[in-house]
Amino acid sequence: MAILGIAHTEFHVQDADAAAERLIHDYGFVARRRSRGGAELGLGGISLVLTEAAPGNRAQQYVERHGDGVAVIALGCEDPQEDYARAVGSGADVIDAAQRTVAGFGDVALSFVEPGAAAHFADFAAGAQPWLVDHVALCVPAGELKDTVRFCEQALGFARTFAEYVSVGEQGMDSVVVQSPSNTVTFTLLEPDTDRAPGQIDGFLAAHGGPGVQHLALRTGDIACSVRTLAQRGVGFLSTPDTYYDALAERLGGTDIPVDTLRELNILMDQDHGGRLFQIFTRSTHPRGTFFFELIERRGAAGFGTANIKALYEAVERQRSAANG
């Protein structure tokens, strides 16, 4: 089994033209293909497919249940049929045998495809491309995290690489990261702790109507430049209190990007044994508040900084609190 990377992510949307225009205008995606009821957009090594809801199609069913969102993750494979057969043999439910598509996470399907124009996969670990899908964050209901991790291990051949319990005030969540052997596909799986106060993962599951993709993390080669550029295009980002930056230099030593720049742009920084990483979440513009993007720059770091996970959770919680009045 050789999953080489994410060939594309497919969004099911109410209006494909409107969704395409937002992504083109706000994020700088380029239209590689547009047709009535659909589009394919590209940005560096990222490919997004938009499929419009129409009477009787799967997109309509998805949009009615969840609103616009990621409905298919297409995995570029050395041998798609072999990887599809392994998934089915491990118990994955078949959605479309002809398209080698199986049920993945609730209504989020997984398809096994030829890598196509995916030469960037070879350079993924080095981050040679200016834009790549770094990871996909998925929320699952309480009690389903272990089974979801097991599905990724058995059906996809992924390995568990990181786990953390995050506690913020009276809320809590469990997170587990699983990754393909090629290190090019990473899923961050999030489960609410229902023994504590309801939080943003509970809120996502209720508003989305079950498990699904909370965000796509887009890897950039220069996060400060990317944040400035996207902000000029009208993209909103979540903010971080000054106290976070007041303690940053003492906590991490040198910061690569000046602290004043990080503070100005609300970029978070952390590190692991391999190096540094920088992250920021966009503000959700989804009508249900259930999807957003992350920008991430890796300078040697392969994991997810512990301090950043909590800080990112807190940033989303501040937006939720503001939205709820």
Protein backbone atom coordinates (compact mmCIF):
# COMPACT_ATOMS: atom_id res chain seq x y z
CA MET A 1 0.00 0.00 0.00
CA ALA A 2 1.44 3.35 -1.01
CA ILE A 3 -0.72 6.42 -0.46
CA LEU A 4 1.32 9.21 -1.99
CA GLY A 5 -0.68 12.23 -0.87
CA ILE A 6 -3.98 14.06 -1.09
CA ALA A 7 -4.76 14.33 -4.80
CA HIS A 8 -7.67 16.69 -4.12
CA THR A 9 -10.36 17.53 -1.63
CA GLU A 10 -13.92 17.77 -2.93
CA PHE A 11 -16.36 20.28 -1.50
CA HIS A 12 -20.09 19.80 -1.97
CA VAL A 13 -21.66 23.24 -2.20
CA GLN A 14 -24.98 24.94 -2.81
CA ASP A 15 -23.54 27.28 -5.47
CA ALA A 16 -20.31 26.23 -7.18
CA ASP A 17 -19.79 29.52 -9.03
CA ALA A 18 -20.14 31.58 -5.85
CA ALA A 19 -17.85 29.25 -3.88
CA ALA A 20 -15.24 29.34 -6.65
CA GLU A 21 -15.30 33.12 -6.83
CA ARG A 22 -14.76 33.40 -3.07
CA LEU A 23 -11.77 31.07 -3.14
CA ILE A 24 -10.30 32.82 -6.19
CA HIS A 25 -10.79 36.31 -4.79
CA ASP A 26 -9.96 35.66 -1.14
CA TYR A 27 -7.22 33.02 -1.32
CA GLY A 28 -5.77 33.40 -4.80
CA PHE A 29 -6.84 30.02 -6.14
CA VAL A 30 -6.72 29.63 -9.92
CA ALA A 31 -9.51 27.98 -11.90
CA ARG A 32 -8.07 24.91 -13.65
CA ARG A 33 -11.48 23.81 -14.88
CA ARG A 34 -14.95 25.31 -14.63
CA SER A 35 -18.20 23.87 -15.88
CA ARG A 36 -21.85 24.16 -15.10
CA GLY A 37 -22.29 22.87 -11.58
CA GLY A 38 -18.63 22.38 -10.76
CA ALA A 39 -15.04 23.60 -10.78
CA GLU A 40 -11.49 22.52 -10.06
CA LEU A 41 -9.26 25.10 -8.40
CA GLY A 42 -5.55 25.02 -7.73
CA LEU A 43 -3.06 26.83 -5.52
CA GLY A 44 0.50 25.49 -5.67
CA GLY A 45 0.22 21.81 -4.79
CA ILE A 46 -3.37 22.13 -3.52
CA SER A 47 -6.31 21.00 -5.64
CA LEU A 48 -9.93 21.66 -4.62
CA VAL A 49 -12.90 20.25 -6.52
CA LEU A 50 -16.30 21.93 -6.14
CA THR A 51 -19.46 19.96 -6.88
CA GLU A 52 -22.79 21.76 -6.85
CA ALA A 53 -25.91 20.31 -5.26
CA ALA A 54 -28.44 19.20 -7.86
CA PRO A 55 -31.67 17.19 -7.57
CA GLY A 56 -30.88 13.60 -6.64
CA ASN A 57 -27.10 13.83 -6.49
CA ARG A 58 -24.93 13.06 -3.48
CA ALA A 59 -23.92 16.71 -3.19
CA GLN A 60 -27.52 17.71 -2.60
CA GLN A 61 -27.88 15.17 0.19
CA TYR A 62 -24.66 16.37 1.78
CA VAL A 63 -25.53 20.08 1.59
CA GLU A 64 -29.01 19.49 3.02
CA ARG A 65 -27.49 17.73 6.04
CA HIS A 66 -24.38 19.81 6.61
CA GLY A 67 -24.26 22.90 4.42
CA ASP A 68 -21.22 23.46 2.22
CA GLY A 69 -18.21 21.40 3.25
CA VAL A 70 -15.56 18.81 2.48
CA ALA A 71 -17.35 15.68 1.32
CA VAL A 72 -14.57 13.66 -0.35
CA ILE A 73 -10.86 13.30 0.35
CA ALA A 74 -9.18 11.82 -2.73
CA LEU A 75 -6.02 9.89 -1.89
CA GLY A 76 -3.43 9.68 -4.64
CA CYS A 77 -2.14 6.10 -4.68
CA GLU A 78 0.56 4.09 -6.37
CA ASP A 79 -2.01 1.32 -6.85
CA PRO A 80 -5.53 2.71 -6.22
CA GLN A 81 -7.25 -0.64 -6.68
CA GLU A 82 -5.01 -2.34 -4.12
CA ASP A 83 -5.56 0.41 -1.55
CA TYR A 84 -9.30 0.40 -2.20
CA ALA A 85 -9.42 -3.39 -1.79
CA ARG A 86 -7.55 -3.16 1.50
CA ALA A 87 -9.97 -0.57 2.84
CA VAL A 88 -13.00 -2.65 1.84
CA GLY A 89 -11.39 -5.80 3.21
CA SER A 90 -10.89 -4.00 6.51
CA GLY A 91 -14.59 -3.23 6.75
CA ALA A 92 -14.97 0.12 4.98
CA ASP A 93 -18.46 0.57 3.52
CA VAL A 94 -18.51 0.89 -0.26
CA ILE A 95 -20.13 4.04 -1.67
CA ASP A 96 -19.16 3.67 -5.35
CA ALA A 97 -17.11 0.66 -6.45
CA ALA A 98 -16.55 2.08 -9.94
CA GLN A 99 -15.00 5.23 -8.45
CA ARG A 100 -13.21 3.29 -5.66
CA THR A 101 -14.97 5.36 -3.00
CA VAL A 102 -15.71 4.27 0.56
CA ALA A 103 -17.28 5.84 3.63
CA GLY A 104 -14.68 7.50 5.79
CA PHE A 105 -15.87 9.81 8.56
CA GLY A 106 -19.64 10.18 8.72
CA ASP A 107 -20.63 11.62 5.34
CA VAL A 108 -17.00 12.37 4.41
CA ALA A 109 -15.97 9.79 1.81
CA LEU A 110 -12.51 8.57 0.82
CA SER A 111 -11.62 7.83 -2.78
CA PHE A 112 -8.52 6.09 -4.09
CA VAL A 113 -7.23 7.66 -7.30
CA GLU A 114 -4.23 7.81 -9.59
CA PRO A 115 -1.75 10.42 -8.38
CA GLY A 116 -2.14 12.36 -11.63
CA ALA A 117 -0.27 15.66 -11.63
CA ALA A 118 1.03 15.03 -8.14
CA ALA A 119 4.80 15.23 -8.53
CA HIS A 120 4.76 17.62 -5.56
CA PHE A 121 4.16 14.65 -3.25
CA ALA A 122 7.83 13.74 -3.52
CA ASP A 123 8.81 17.14 -2.14
CA PHE A 124 6.15 17.24 0.57
CA ALA A 125 8.36 16.61 3.60
CA ALA A 126 10.76 19.35 2.56
CA GLY A 127 7.91 21.77 1.91
CA ALA A 128 9.38 22.62 -1.47
CA GLN A 129 6.02 23.67 -2.88
CA PRO A 130 4.68 27.06 -1.77
CA TRP A 131 1.24 25.63 -0.95
CA LEU A 132 0.29 22.12 0.18
CA VAL A 133 -2.44 20.50 2.27
CA ASP A 134 -0.60 20.03 5.56
CA HIS A 135 -3.37 18.20 7.42
CA VAL A 136 -7.11 17.67 7.65
CA ALA A 137 -8.83 18.20 11.01
CA LEU A 138 -11.93 16.07 11.63
CA CYS A 139 -14.37 16.15 14.53
CA VAL A 140 -15.94 12.88 15.68
CA PRO A 141 -18.64 12.28 18.30
CA ALA A 142 -17.75 11.35 21.87
CA GLY A 143 -16.87 7.67 22.16
CA GLU A 144 -15.88 7.25 18.50
CA LEU A 145 -12.25 8.39 18.56
CA LYS A 146 -10.71 4.98 19.25
CA ASP A 147 -12.72 3.30 16.50
CA THR A 148 -11.86 6.08 14.08
CA VAL A 149 -8.14 5.73 14.82
CA ARG A 150 -8.46 1.96 14.38
CA PHE A 151 -10.18 2.50 11.01
CA CYS A 152 -7.32 4.71 9.84
CA GLU A 153 -4.76 2.15 10.97
CA GLN A 154 -6.44 -0.93 9.52
CA ALA A 155 -8.19 0.39 6.41
CA LEU A 156 -5.62 3.00 5.36
CA GLY A 157 -2.38 1.73 6.87
CA PHE A 158 -1.87 4.95 8.82
CA ALA A 159 0.06 5.15 12.09
CA ARG A 160 -0.77 7.08 15.24
CA THR A 161 1.91 9.77 15.63
CA PHE A 162 0.63 12.13 18.34
CA ALA A 163 -2.05 12.33 21.01
CA GLU A 164 -3.02 15.05 23.46
CA TYR A 165 -5.80 15.94 25.86
CA VAL A 166 -6.59 19.66 25.74
CA SER A 167 -8.19 21.33 28.74
CA VAL A 168 -9.42 24.92 28.52
CA GLY A 169 -11.44 26.21 31.46
CA GLU A 170 -14.33 23.83 32.02
CA GLN A 171 -14.02 22.31 28.53
CA GLY A 172 -11.90 19.47 27.23
CA MET A 173 -11.17 17.46 24.10
CA ASP A 174 -9.04 14.51 23.04
CA SER A 175 -6.93 14.72 19.89
CA VAL A 176 -5.07 12.01 17.99
CA VAL A 177 -2.98 12.53 14.88
CA VAL A 178 -2.65 9.71 12.33
CA GLN A 179 -0.39 9.79 9.31
CA SER A 180 0.32 7.77 6.17
CA PRO A 181 3.65 5.89 5.95
CA SER A 182 4.72 8.40 3.28
CA ASN A 183 4.16 11.24 5.82
CA THR A 184 2.17 13.09 3.17
CA VAL A 185 -1.37 12.60 4.50
CA THR A 186 -2.18 13.64 8.06
CA PHE A 187 -5.54 13.53 9.80
CA THR A 188 -6.04 15.30 13.12
CA LEU A 189 -8.97 13.61 14.88
CA LEU A 190 -10.83 15.56 17.57
CA GLU A 191 -13.33 14.20 20.12
CA PRO A 192 -15.19 16.21 22.79
CA ASP A 193 -15.01 15.31 26.46
CA THR A 194 -18.70 15.13 27.37
CA ASP A 195 -17.88 14.78 31.08
CA ARG A 196 -17.01 18.48 30.98
CA ALA A 197 -18.83 21.60 29.79
CA PRO A 198 -19.88 21.62 26.10
CA GLY A 199 -17.26 23.26 23.89
CA GLN A 200 -16.44 23.97 20.27
CA ILE A 201 -16.20 20.30 19.22
CA ASP A 202 -19.68 19.68 20.63
CA GLY A 203 -20.79 22.85 18.85
CA PHE A 204 -19.34 21.69 15.54
CA LEU A 205 -21.00 18.28 15.76
CA ALA A 206 -24.38 19.84 16.57
CA ALA A 207 -24.23 22.54 13.88
CA HIS A 208 -22.70 20.26 11.24
CA GLY A 209 -25.02 17.38 11.98
CA GLY A 210 -22.43 14.74 12.83
CA PRO A 211 -18.74 14.09 12.16
CA GLY A 212 -16.93 16.03 9.48
CA VAL A 213 -14.02 18.23 8.46
CA GLN A 214 -13.58 21.20 10.76
CA HIS A 215 -10.67 22.72 8.84
CA LEU A 216 -8.05 22.24 6.16
CA ALA A 217 -4.54 23.34 7.05
CA LEU A 218 -2.74 24.94 4.10
CA ARG A 219 1.04 24.88 4.33
CA THR A 220 2.76 28.03 3.14
CA GLY A 221 6.44 28.81 2.73
CA ASP A 222 6.11 32.31 4.24
CA ILE A 223 3.27 32.65 6.72
CA ALA A 224 3.81 36.33 7.49
CA CYS A 225 3.62 37.27 3.82
CA SER A 226 0.64 34.97 3.28
CA VAL A 227 -1.33 36.42 6.21
CA ARG A 228 -0.69 39.97 5.02
CA THR A 229 -1.66 39.11 1.45
CA LEU A 230 -4.84 37.27 2.40
CA ALA A 231 -5.84 39.97 4.89
CA GLN A 232 -5.55 42.53 2.08
CA ARG A 233 -7.88 40.31 0.06
CA GLY A 234 -10.43 40.41 2.88
CA VAL A 235 -9.71 37.16 4.74
CA GLY A 236 -10.27 37.51 8.49
CA PHE A 237 -8.03 35.80 11.04
CA LEU A 238 -8.52 34.90 14.69
CA SER A 239 -6.77 37.06 17.26
CA THR A 240 -4.48 36.15 20.16
CA PRO A 241 -4.04 38.07 23.46
CA ASP A 242 -0.87 40.13 23.96
CA THR A 243 0.02 38.00 26.98
CA TYR A 244 0.78 35.09 24.63
CA TYR A 245 3.48 37.15 22.90
CA ASP A 246 4.80 38.67 26.12
CA ALA A 247 5.94 35.21 27.22
CA LEU A 248 6.96 33.85 23.81
CA ALA A 249 10.65 34.78 23.72
CA GLU A 250 11.20 33.50 27.26
CA ARG A 251 9.39 30.24 26.48
CA LEU A 252 11.05 29.50 23.15
CA GLY A 253 14.16 31.66 22.97
CA GLY A 254 14.75 33.07 19.50
CA THR A 255 11.62 33.25 17.38
CA ASP A 256 12.87 33.30 13.73
CA ILE A 257 10.06 35.67 12.83
CA PRO A 258 10.26 38.78 15.06
CA VAL A 259 7.85 38.74 18.00
CA ASP A 260 6.50 42.14 16.95
CA THR A 261 5.56 40.66 13.55
CA LEU A 262 3.91 37.63 15.15
CA ARG A 263 1.99 39.92 17.51
CA GLU A 264 0.92 42.24 14.69
CA LEU A 265 -0.38 39.36 12.59
CA ASN A 266 -1.67 37.14 15.46
CA ILE A 267 0.51 34.25 14.33
CA LEU A 268 1.23 31.49 16.88
CA MET A 269 4.62 29.83 17.21
CA ASP A 270 5.79 26.61 18.79
CA GLN A 271 8.57 24.07 18.37
CA ASP A 272 9.46 20.41 18.66
CA HIS A 273 12.68 18.42 18.40
CA GLY A 274 12.82 19.07 14.64
CA GLY A 275 12.33 22.82 14.57
CA ARG A 276 9.70 25.55 14.61
CA LEU A 277 6.15 25.86 13.33
CA PHE A 278 3.87 28.87 12.89
CA GLN A 279 0.06 28.70 12.71
CA ILE A 280 -3.07 30.80 12.46
CA PHE A 281 -6.78 30.07 11.89
CA THR A 282 -9.00 32.06 9.56
CA ARG A 283 -12.35 33.31 10.79
CA SER A 284 -15.14 31.01 9.70
CA THR A 285 -17.48 32.54 7.15
CA HIS A 286 -19.59 29.39 6.94
CA PRO A 287 -23.29 30.08 7.72
CA ARG A 288 -23.15 27.35 10.39
CA GLY A 289 -19.65 28.33 11.56
CA THR A 290 -18.46 24.80 10.89
CA PHE A 291 -15.53 25.19 8.49
CA PHE A 292 -12.43 27.34 8.24
CA PHE A 293 -8.85 27.22 6.97
CA GLU A 294 -5.58 27.16 8.84
CA LEU A 295 -2.29 28.55 7.55
CA ILE A 296 0.82 26.77 8.76
CA GLU A 297 4.52 27.18 8.08
CA ARG A 298 6.95 24.49 9.15
CA ARG A 299 10.61 25.21 9.68
CA GLY A 300 11.73 21.70 10.54
CA ALA A 301 8.89 20.88 12.95
CA ALA A 302 7.02 17.71 12.04
CA GLY A 303 4.40 17.65 14.81
CA PHE A 304 1.91 19.98 16.48
CA GLY A 305 3.19 22.18 19.28
CA THR A 306 1.47 21.52 22.57
CA ALA A 307 1.17 25.19 23.44
CA ASN A 308 -0.23 26.02 20.01
CA ILE A 309 -2.97 23.40 20.22
CA LYS A 310 -4.34 25.02 23.36
CA ALA A 311 -3.87 28.55 21.98
CA LEU A 312 -5.68 27.67 18.76
CA TYR A 313 -8.54 26.10 20.72
CA GLU A 314 -8.79 29.27 22.81
CA ALA A 315 -8.82 31.45 19.67
CA VAL A 316 -11.78 29.52 18.24
CA GLU A 317 -13.54 29.69 21.60
CA ARG A 318 -13.20 33.48 21.67
CA GLN A 319 -14.81 33.68 18.22
CA ARG A 320 -17.63 31.36 19.33
CA SER A 321 -18.26 33.42 22.43
CA ALA A 322 -18.36 36.64 20.43
CA ALA A 323 -20.76 35.11 17.88
CA ASN A 324 -23.06 33.91 20.66
CA GLY A 325 -23.25 37.41 22.13
